[in-house]
């Protein structure tokens, strides 16, 4: 029902061609009701319209107009007998004017909005061979028949163009039938200038030769840089590091007192340790004596 409510939203004062769903069947209307051998047994039948208000004029045998209702598969579930035709039937057995809500290869879902009364959905099956594309949200006149207890659509017309033709304001539009919709052909996007030539040239290019059993040759792998050896010098690193130094006769290795100074070291890499060796000449300690330096990091 959400689809029905959305399609009912129209601008104030907007008018559309009269929507209808009419099935024309031969039968007999009597005091016991309407009977027709073509109606499925499970279909509910009621009398409405002129057949109800003027029963004496519409009783008997003939071709009657019925207002149909269907289930989601297009099976006829209900029919209201409206009147008996005064002249032979001319035209299709089923006529539906409405807005197409959904279309696929198997069925069409149509919203019918009559001038008076509540809108309703009608589901029509596609007759064999009727596979043409129909645009959703467009109004169509669908023509078909009742076959095997189901309503089937056999062809269609754009409803607005059909109404103008009926009024004599334009020729009758081409029908949409089979797998062809002539009203969409003029709106197909044309190729851009030069695009057709490019496509033609691309199609004429020879196809690349298929690769052999071993496939295309692989590009050569880039040579990897040699790995660093054991104990190899990584370079001269300028680092200011604080270290502890001792004078010659003090409390260090030679008995001198400790002091703090700054050095620049060579860095050597070894898998087991880092060693730091200061650059010569050794600086003087605060007592004016040269000192030896040990550094491990």
Protein backbone atom coordinates (compact mmCIF):
# COMPACT_ATOMS: atom_id res chain seq x y z
CA UNK A 1 0.00 0.00 0.00
CA UNK A 2 2.98 2.32 0.39
CA UNK A 3 3.48 2.30 -3.39
CA UNK A 4 -0.18 3.23 -3.86
CA UNK A 5 0.09 6.18 -1.45
CA UNK A 6 3.26 7.47 -3.12
CA UNK A 7 1.71 7.34 -6.59
CA UNK A 8 -1.40 9.14 -5.35
CA UNK A 9 0.59 12.23 -4.37
CA UNK A 10 -0.23 14.78 -7.08
CA UNK A 11 -0.09 18.53 -7.35
CA UNK A 12 -3.30 20.37 -6.38
CA UNK A 13 -5.57 20.69 -9.37
CA UNK A 14 -3.61 18.16 -11.43
CA UNK A 15 -5.76 16.17 -13.84
CA UNK A 16 -5.05 12.84 -15.45
CA UNK A 17 -6.93 10.76 -18.05
CA UNK A 18 -9.66 8.65 -16.53
CA UNK A 19 -8.28 5.44 -15.04
CA UNK A 20 -10.24 2.25 -15.34
CA UNK A 21 -9.99 -1.54 -15.31
CA UNK A 22 -12.67 -3.26 -17.37
CA UNK A 23 -13.14 -6.88 -18.34
CA UNK A 24 -15.70 -7.77 -21.03
CA UNK A 25 -17.20 -11.27 -20.71
CA UNK A 26 -20.12 -13.15 -22.13
CA UNK A 27 -22.56 -14.40 -19.53
CA UNK A 28 -26.02 -14.25 -18.09
CA UNK A 29 -27.41 -12.01 -15.38
CA UNK A 30 -30.52 -13.25 -13.52
CA UNK A 31 -32.15 -13.06 -10.14
CA UNK A 32 -29.60 -15.56 -8.79
CA UNK A 33 -26.70 -13.38 -9.95
CA UNK A 34 -24.18 -13.37 -12.79
CA UNK A 35 -22.87 -16.55 -14.36
CA UNK A 36 -20.14 -17.06 -16.97
CA UNK A 37 -18.29 -20.28 -17.84
CA UNK A 38 -15.03 -18.33 -18.14
CA UNK A 39 -14.98 -17.07 -14.57
CA UNK A 40 -12.86 -19.21 -12.19
CA UNK A 41 -14.83 -20.97 -9.46
CA UNK A 42 -13.01 -19.21 -6.63
CA UNK A 43 -13.81 -15.74 -8.05
CA UNK A 44 -16.31 -13.73 -6.00
CA UNK A 45 -19.00 -12.03 -8.12
CA UNK A 46 -21.15 -9.06 -7.12
CA UNK A 47 -23.59 -6.79 -8.96
CA UNK A 48 -22.84 -3.06 -9.09
CA UNK A 49 -23.38 0.05 -11.20
CA UNK A 50 -26.33 0.14 -13.58
CA UNK A 51 -26.80 -3.61 -13.26
CA UNK A 52 -27.69 -2.99 -9.62
CA UNK A 53 -29.66 0.27 -9.96
CA UNK A 54 -31.51 -0.73 -13.16
CA UNK A 55 -31.66 -4.54 -13.06
CA UNK A 56 -34.56 -4.95 -15.50
CA UNK A 57 -32.62 -3.32 -18.35
CA UNK A 58 -29.46 -5.43 -17.87
CA UNK A 59 -30.77 -8.91 -17.14
CA UNK A 60 -30.47 -11.68 -19.65
CA UNK A 61 -27.64 -13.00 -21.80
CA UNK A 62 -25.04 -10.89 -23.53
CA UNK A 63 -21.62 -9.29 -23.10
CA UNK A 64 -21.17 -7.61 -19.72
CA UNK A 65 -18.62 -5.18 -18.37
CA UNK A 66 -16.97 -6.30 -15.16
CA UNK A 67 -14.65 -4.44 -12.77
CA UNK A 68 -11.93 -6.96 -11.87
CA UNK A 69 -9.64 -7.44 -8.87
CA UNK A 70 -6.62 -9.73 -8.76
CA UNK A 71 -4.15 -11.27 -6.34
CA UNK A 72 -0.36 -10.79 -6.46
CA UNK A 73 -0.02 -13.38 -9.23
CA UNK A 74 -2.65 -11.87 -11.54
CA UNK A 75 -5.36 -14.45 -10.79
CA UNK A 76 -8.89 -13.05 -10.97
CA UNK A 77 -10.27 -13.07 -7.41
CA UNK A 78 -13.25 -10.69 -7.59
CA UNK A 79 -15.47 -9.13 -10.25
CA UNK A 80 -18.28 -6.57 -10.05
CA UNK A 81 -20.82 -6.77 -12.86
CA UNK A 82 -21.56 -3.20 -14.01
CA UNK A 83 -23.81 -3.38 -17.10
CA UNK A 84 -24.75 -5.28 -20.25
CA UNK A 85 -23.56 -3.92 -23.60
CA UNK A 86 -26.25 -2.90 -26.04
CA UNK A 87 -24.12 -3.69 -29.09
CA UNK A 88 -21.52 -6.32 -29.92
CA UNK A 89 -18.11 -6.04 -28.37
CA UNK A 90 -15.56 -4.17 -30.48
CA UNK A 91 -12.02 -4.14 -29.19
CA UNK A 92 -9.94 -6.02 -26.66
CA UNK A 93 -11.42 -8.18 -23.93
CA UNK A 94 -9.43 -6.46 -21.16
CA UNK A 95 -8.65 -2.74 -20.89
CA UNK A 96 -6.67 -1.19 -18.03
CA UNK A 97 -5.79 2.50 -17.72
CA UNK A 98 -3.38 3.23 -14.90
CA UNK A 99 0.12 4.04 -13.67
CA UNK A 100 2.70 1.31 -13.93
CA UNK A 101 4.25 0.67 -10.52
CA UNK A 102 6.37 -2.36 -11.34
CA UNK A 103 7.30 -4.38 -14.40
CA UNK A 104 9.39 -7.51 -14.86
CA UNK A 105 9.47 -10.41 -17.29
CA UNK A 106 6.52 -12.13 -15.65
CA UNK A 107 4.03 -9.51 -14.47
CA UNK A 108 2.94 -5.86 -14.45
CA UNK A 109 1.66 -4.06 -11.35
CA UNK A 110 -0.68 -1.17 -12.21
CA UNK A 111 -2.19 1.50 -9.98
CA UNK A 112 -5.74 2.39 -11.02
CA UNK A 113 -7.03 5.78 -9.79
CA UNK A 114 -10.69 6.19 -10.74
CA UNK A 115 -12.36 9.60 -10.66
CA UNK A 116 -14.53 8.43 -7.80
CA UNK A 117 -13.68 5.72 -5.31
CA UNK A 118 -10.45 4.48 -3.80
CA UNK A 119 -7.35 3.65 -5.83
CA UNK A 120 -6.32 0.01 -6.06
CA UNK A 121 -3.58 -2.17 -7.50
CA UNK A 122 -4.11 -4.62 -10.31
CA UNK A 123 -1.59 -7.30 -11.26
CA UNK A 124 -1.44 -8.45 -14.87
CA UNK A 125 0.60 -11.30 -16.23
CA UNK A 126 2.51 -10.88 -19.48
CA UNK A 127 1.13 -12.78 -22.44
CA UNK A 128 3.58 -15.04 -24.25
CA UNK A 129 5.88 -12.96 -26.47
CA UNK A 130 5.06 -9.63 -24.81
CA UNK A 131 8.50 -8.75 -23.41
CA UNK A 132 8.81 -5.05 -24.36
CA UNK A 133 10.28 -2.67 -21.79
CA UNK A 134 7.78 -0.41 -20.02
CA UNK A 135 8.75 2.59 -17.90
CA UNK A 136 7.64 2.57 -14.26
CA UNK A 137 5.73 5.63 -13.03
CA UNK A 138 4.30 6.17 -16.51
CA UNK A 139 0.60 5.95 -17.39
CA UNK A 140 -0.34 3.25 -19.91
CA UNK A 141 -3.36 1.78 -21.63
CA UNK A 142 -2.93 -1.98 -21.38
CA UNK A 143 -4.94 -4.35 -23.54
CA UNK A 144 -5.27 -8.08 -22.99
CA UNK A 145 -7.59 -10.92 -22.09
CA UNK A 146 -8.66 -13.41 -19.40
CA UNK A 147 -6.88 -16.72 -19.94
CA UNK A 148 -6.81 -19.63 -17.54
CA UNK A 149 -8.28 -17.55 -14.73
CA UNK A 150 -5.55 -14.89 -15.03
CA UNK A 151 -5.56 -11.41 -16.54
CA UNK A 152 -2.84 -11.13 -19.20
CA UNK A 153 -1.50 -8.00 -20.92
CA UNK A 154 -0.83 -8.39 -24.63
CA UNK A 155 0.13 -4.87 -25.71
CA UNK A 156 0.22 -1.28 -24.42
CA UNK A 157 -0.04 2.39 -25.44
CA UNK A 158 1.18 5.56 -23.70
CA UNK A 159 -2.07 6.66 -22.10
CA UNK A 160 -1.68 10.40 -22.72
CA UNK A 161 -0.98 9.94 -26.44
CA UNK A 162 -3.83 7.46 -26.75
CA UNK A 163 -6.32 9.93 -25.16
CA UNK A 164 -5.22 12.73 -27.52
CA UNK A 165 -5.69 10.39 -30.49
CA UNK A 166 -9.15 9.49 -29.21
CA UNK A 167 -10.02 13.19 -29.16
CA UNK A 168 -8.75 13.56 -32.74
CA UNK A 169 -5.86 15.85 -31.76
CA UNK A 170 -3.11 13.53 -33.04
CA UNK A 171 -2.69 10.19 -34.83
CA UNK A 172 -2.99 6.95 -32.89
CA UNK A 173 0.41 6.09 -31.37
CA UNK A 174 2.23 2.92 -32.30
CA UNK A 175 1.43 0.03 -30.00
CA UNK A 176 4.00 -1.41 -27.63
CA UNK A 177 3.94 -5.10 -28.38
CA UNK A 178 6.25 -8.07 -28.72
CA UNK A 179 9.76 -7.07 -27.67
CA UNK A 180 9.62 -3.54 -29.11
CA UNK A 181 8.75 -0.21 -27.51
CA UNK A 182 8.86 2.37 -30.34
CA UNK A 183 8.38 5.27 -27.90
CA UNK A 184 11.81 4.70 -26.35
CA UNK A 185 13.87 4.33 -29.53
CA UNK A 186 14.15 8.07 -30.20
CA UNK A 187 15.44 8.72 -26.69
CA UNK A 188 18.42 6.41 -26.84
CA UNK A 189 21.69 8.22 -26.26
CA UNK A 190 23.59 8.87 -29.48
CA UNK A 191 27.38 8.40 -29.47
CA UNK A 192 29.46 11.54 -28.99
CA UNK A 193 31.28 13.04 -32.03
CA UNK A 194 34.32 10.93 -32.79
CA UNK A 195 33.27 8.18 -30.39
CA UNK A 196 31.89 6.00 -33.16
CA UNK A 197 35.16 6.29 -35.13
CA UNK A 198 37.22 5.39 -32.07
CA UNK A 199 35.07 2.34 -31.45
CA UNK A 200 35.43 1.30 -35.10
CA UNK A 201 39.23 1.65 -34.99
CA UNK A 202 39.41 -0.29 -31.75
CA UNK A 203 37.33 -3.09 -33.24
CA UNK A 204 39.61 -3.25 -36.32
CA UNK A 205 42.82 -3.55 -34.30
CA UNK A 206 44.31 -7.05 -34.41
CA UNK A 207 43.94 -8.99 -31.23
CA UNK A 208 47.20 -9.64 -29.32
CA UNK A 209 48.74 -13.04 -29.89
CA UNK A 210 47.94 -15.53 -27.14
CA UNK A 211 50.87 -16.37 -24.84
CA UNK A 212 52.74 -19.62 -25.33
CA UNK A 213 52.58 -22.63 -23.04
CA UNK A 214 55.08 -21.06 -20.66
CA UNK A 215 53.33 -17.66 -20.65
CA UNK A 216 54.91 -14.22 -21.22
CA UNK A 217 58.53 -13.72 -20.05
CA UNK A 218 58.82 -12.38 -16.52
CA UNK A 219 60.77 -9.15 -15.94
CA UNK A 220 64.27 -9.66 -14.43
CA UNK A 221 64.49 -9.27 -10.69
CA UNK A 222 66.41 -6.29 -9.34
CA UNK A 223 69.77 -7.11 -7.80
CA UNK A 224 69.76 -6.87 -4.04
CA UNK A 225 72.51 -4.89 -2.24
CA UNK A 226 75.23 -7.07 -0.59
CA UNK A 227 74.62 -7.95 3.00
CA UNK A 228 76.77 -6.35 5.66
CA UNK A 229 79.57 -8.61 6.98
CA UNK A 230 80.43 -9.36 10.53
CA UNK A 231 82.07 -6.46 12.38
CA UNK A 232 81.97 -4.19 9.33
CA UNK A 233 82.34 -0.43 9.87
CA UNK A 234 78.98 1.31 9.41
CA UNK A 235 80.56 4.79 9.12
CA UNK A 236 81.75 7.73 11.10
CA UNK A 237 79.04 9.07 13.35
CA UNK A 238 79.47 12.46 14.95
CA UNK A 239 78.08 12.03 18.42
CA UNK A 240 78.83 14.04 21.52
CA UNK A 241 78.82 11.53 24.35
CA UNK A 242 79.65 12.06 27.98
CA UNK A 243 82.19 9.64 29.44
CA UNK A 244 84.18 9.17 32.62
CA UNK A 245 87.99 9.72 32.44
CA UNK A 246 90.73 9.24 34.98
CA UNK A 247 94.17 10.87 35.41
CA UNK A 248 97.25 8.69 35.28
CA UNK A 249 98.08 8.30 39.00
CA UNK A 250 94.46 8.64 40.38
CA UNK A 251 91.57 6.38 41.28
CA UNK A 252 90.86 5.10 37.73
CA UNK A 253 92.69 2.24 36.05
CA UNK A 254 95.98 4.11 36.70
CA UNK A 255 94.93 5.45 40.13
CA UNK A 256 93.72 8.97 39.09
CA UNK A 257 90.56 10.81 40.23
CA UNK A 258 87.51 10.59 37.88
CA UNK A 259 86.18 13.57 35.82
CA UNK A 260 83.65 14.11 33.04
CA UNK A 261 84.44 15.11 29.41
CA UNK A 262 83.00 14.98 25.84
CA UNK A 263 84.24 12.83 22.92
CA UNK A 264 83.48 12.03 19.23
CA UNK A 265 83.48 8.29 18.58
CA UNK A 266 83.76 5.78 15.73
CA UNK A 267 80.85 3.31 15.90
CA UNK A 268 81.49 -0.33 15.01
CA UNK A 269 78.75 -2.91 14.71
CA UNK A 270 79.13 -6.41 16.02
CA UNK A 271 76.38 -9.03 16.43
CA UNK A 272 77.12 -9.26 20.18
CA UNK A 273 77.96 -5.69 21.29
CA UNK A 274 78.59 -2.09 20.32
CA UNK A 275 82.06 -0.64 20.85
CA UNK A 276 83.04 3.00 20.92
CA UNK A 277 86.58 4.20 20.30
CA UNK A 278 87.48 7.90 20.81
CA UNK A 279 89.39 9.84 18.19
CA UNK A 280 92.98 10.93 19.07
CA UNK A 281 94.52 13.11 20.48
CA UNK A 282 93.19 12.52 23.97
CA UNK A 283 92.20 15.72 25.78
CA UNK A 284 93.74 16.85 29.04
CA UNK A 285 92.02 16.45 32.36
CA UNK A 286 91.65 19.35 34.79
CA UNK A 287 95.07 18.50 36.26
CA UNK A 288 96.86 18.91 32.89
CA UNK A 289 97.57 15.20 32.38
CA UNK A 290 96.59 13.03 29.43
CA UNK A 291 94.13 10.28 30.24
CA UNK A 292 93.03 6.96 28.80
CA UNK A 293 89.35 6.50 27.86
CA UNK A 294 87.18 3.39 27.86
CA UNK A 295 83.68 3.44 26.41
CA UNK A 296 81.18 0.64 25.85
CA UNK A 297 77.62 1.13 24.67
